[in-house]
C-alpha atoms as a PDB file:
ATOM      1  CA  UNK A   1     -43.029  96.928 187.676  1.00  0.00           C
ATOM      2  CA  UNK A   2     -42.684 100.774 187.384  1.00  0.00           C
ATOM      3  CA  UNK A   3     -44.503 103.499 185.662  1.00  0.00           C
ATOM      4  CA  UNK A   4     -44.120 104.971 182.202  1.00  0.00           C
ATOM      5  CA  UNK A   5     -43.172 102.516 179.472  1.00  0.00           C
ATOM      6  CA  UNK A   6     -42.858  99.662 181.979  1.00  0.00           C
ATOM      7  CA  UNK A   7     -46.524 100.077 182.850  1.00  0.00           C
ATOM      8  CA  UNK A   8     -47.407  99.496 179.206  1.00  0.00           C
ATOM      9  CA  UNK A   9     -45.768  96.057 179.351  1.00  0.00           C
ATOM     10  CA  UNK A  10     -48.320  94.732 181.822  1.00  0.00           C
ATOM     11  CA  UNK A  11     -50.763  92.444 180.052  1.00  0.00           C
ATOM     12  CA  UNK A  12     -53.787  93.970 181.791  1.00  0.00           C
ATOM     13  CA  UNK A  13     -52.758  97.446 180.593  1.00  0.00           C
ATOM     14  CA  UNK A  14     -52.081  96.183 177.064  1.00  0.00           C
ATOM     15  CA  UNK A  15     -55.588  94.723 176.929  1.00  0.00           C
ATOM     16  CA  UNK A  16     -57.232  97.778 178.507  1.00  0.00           C
ATOM     17  CA  UNK A  17     -55.594 100.070 175.938  1.00  0.00           C
ATOM     18  CA  UNK A  18     -56.173  97.567 173.117  1.00  0.00           C
ATOM     19  CA  UNK A  19     -52.562  97.873 171.974  1.00  0.00           C
ATOM     20  CA  UNK A  20     -51.627  96.252 168.684  1.00  0.00           C
ATOM     21  CA  UNK A  21     -48.850  93.647 168.591  1.00  0.00           C
ATOM     22  CA  UNK A  22     -46.537  96.296 167.132  1.00  0.00           C
ATOM     23  CA  UNK A  23     -47.378  98.755 169.897  1.00  0.00           C
ATOM     24  CA  UNK A  24     -46.760  96.079 172.538  1.00  0.00           C
ATOM     25  CA  UNK A  25     -43.381  95.327 170.963  1.00  0.00           C
ATOM     26  CA  UNK A  26     -42.455  99.036 170.888  1.00  0.00           C
ATOM     27  CA  UNK A  27     -43.512  99.510 174.524  1.00  0.00           C
ATOM     28  CA  UNK A  28     -41.439  96.521 175.632  1.00  0.00           C
ATOM     29  CA  UNK A  29     -38.395  97.736 173.703  1.00  0.00           C
ATOM     30  CA  UNK A  30     -38.741 101.210 175.183  1.00  0.00           C
ATOM     31  CA  UNK A  31     -39.115  99.786 178.700  1.00  0.00           C
ATOM     32  CA  UNK A  32     -35.968  97.685 178.227  1.00  0.00           C
ATOM     33  CA  UNK A  33     -34.019 100.686 176.913  1.00  0.00           C
ATOM     34  CA  UNK A  34     -35.168 102.696 179.905  1.00  0.00           C
ATOM     35  CA  UNK A  35     -34.127  99.991 182.368  1.00  0.00           C
ATOM     36  CA  UNK A  36     -30.720  99.762 180.709  1.00  0.00           C
ATOM     37  CA  UNK A  37     -30.185 103.495 180.760  1.00  0.00           C
ATOM     38  CA  UNK A  38     -30.692 103.664 184.525  1.00  0.00           C
ATOM     39  CA  UNK A  39     -28.139 100.960 185.313  1.00  0.00           C
ATOM     40  CA  UNK A  40     -25.040 102.353 186.947  1.00  0.00           C
ATOM     41  CA  UNK A  41     -26.607 105.605 188.154  1.00  0.00           C
ATOM     42  CA  UNK A  42     -25.516 104.732 191.672  1.00  0.00           C
ATOM     43  CA  UNK A  43     -21.883 105.208 190.675  1.00  0.00           C
ATOM     44  CA  UNK A  44     -22.373 108.785 189.460  1.00  0.00           C
ATOM     45  CA  UNK A  45     -22.171 112.056 191.338  1.00  0.00           C
ATOM     46  CA  UNK A  46     -25.553 113.529 192.337  1.00  0.00           C
ATOM     47  CA  UNK A  47     -25.229 116.190 189.630  1.00  0.00           C
ATOM     48  CA  UNK A  48     -24.365 113.706 186.895  1.00  0.00           C
ATOM     49  CA  UNK A  49     -27.111 111.351 188.098  1.00  0.00           C
ATOM     50  CA  UNK A  50     -29.695 114.144 187.888  1.00  0.00           C
ATOM     51  CA  UNK A  51     -28.473 115.097 184.424  1.00  0.00           C
ATOM     52  CA  UNK A  52     -28.810 111.483 183.256  1.00  0.00           C
ATOM     53  CA  UNK A  53     -32.292 111.140 184.765  1.00  0.00           C
ATOM     54  CA  UNK A  54     -33.409 114.384 183.103  1.00  0.00           C
ATOM     55  CA  UNK A  55     -32.097 113.150 179.737  1.00  0.00           C
ATOM     56  CA  UNK A  56     -33.925 109.827 180.120  1.00  0.00           C
ATOM     57  CA  UNK A  57     -37.179 111.552 181.031  1.00  0.00           C
ATOM     58  CA  UNK A  58     -36.859 113.836 177.993  1.00  0.00           C
ATOM     59  CA  UNK A  59     -36.104 110.855 175.755  1.00  0.00           C
ATOM     60  CA  UNK A  60     -39.056 108.884 177.123  1.00  0.00           C
ATOM     61  CA  UNK A  61     -41.470 111.761 176.658  1.00  0.00           C
ATOM     62  CA  UNK A  62     -40.243 112.317 173.097  1.00  0.00           C
ATOM     63  CA  UNK A  63     -40.527 108.596 172.332  1.00  0.00           C
ATOM     64  CA  UNK A  64     -44.074 108.419 173.597  1.00  0.00           C
ATOM     65  CA  UNK A  65     -45.293 111.648 172.041  1.00  0.00           C
ATOM     66  CA  UNK A  66     -46.929 111.263 168.645  1.00  0.00           C
ATOM     67  CA  UNK A  67     -45.885 114.819 167.876  1.00  0.00           C
ATOM     68  CA  UNK A  68     -42.272 114.361 168.983  1.00  0.00           C
ATOM     69  CA  UNK A  69     -40.935 114.698 165.430  1.00  0.00           C
ATOM     70  CA  UNK A  70     -42.900 117.850 164.754  1.00  0.00           C
ATOM     71  CA  UNK A  71     -41.923 119.301 168.117  1.00  0.00           C
ATOM     72  CA  UNK A  72     -38.236 118.755 167.338  1.00  0.00           C
ATOM     73  CA  UNK A  73     -38.634 120.451 163.965  1.00  0.00           C
ATOM     74  CA  UNK A  74     -40.416 123.414 165.541  1.00  0.00           C
ATOM     75  CA  UNK A  75     -37.633 123.778 168.123  1.00  0.00           C
ATOM     76  CA  UNK A  76     -34.997 123.632 165.390  1.00  0.00           C
ATOM     77  CA  UNK A  77     -36.835 126.211 163.298  1.00  0.00           C
ATOM     78  CA  UNK A  78     -37.277 128.461 166.330  1.00  0.00           C
ATOM     79  CA  UNK A  79     -33.558 128.271 167.038  1.00  0.00           C
ATOM     80  CA  UNK A  80     -32.697 129.063 163.414  1.00  0.00           C
ATOM     81  CA  UNK A  81     -35.087 132.015 163.487  1.00  0.00           C
ATOM     82  CA  UNK A  82     -33.500 133.308 166.701  1.00  0.00           C
ATOM     83  CA  UNK A  83     -30.029 132.940 165.137  1.00  0.00           C
ATOM     84  CA  UNK A  84     -31.106 134.841 162.035  1.00  0.00           C
ATOM     85  CA  UNK A  85     -32.676 137.602 164.113  1.00  0.00           C
ATOM     86  CA  UNK A  86     -29.452 137.920 166.106  1.00  0.00           C
ATOM     87  CA  UNK A  87     -27.427 138.201 162.884  1.00  0.00           C
ATOM     88  CA  UNK A  88     -29.742 140.928 161.632  1.00  0.00           C
ATOM     89  CA  UNK A  89     -29.251 142.876 164.860  1.00  0.00           C
ATOM     90  CA  UNK A  90     -25.464 142.690 164.542  1.00  0.00           C
END
């Protein structure tokens, strides 16, 4: 099986982590999404393949992180602050 979300779909891991039924369902859905997103990478250029892999890794990390929503908000606020500071300089 693989690592990351796919690892969470193994029954022994589910039991070890004492995942709830909902968590098991979410892990399986995420693993399936990840498998689907990597289909067809062979047909891409090395640069496009790397870009796709990087995007998938970012998505997986954000999906697994309990603070993903907060982190996104902080990034958005930081960007808005930087934009406002730039406008003030102009």
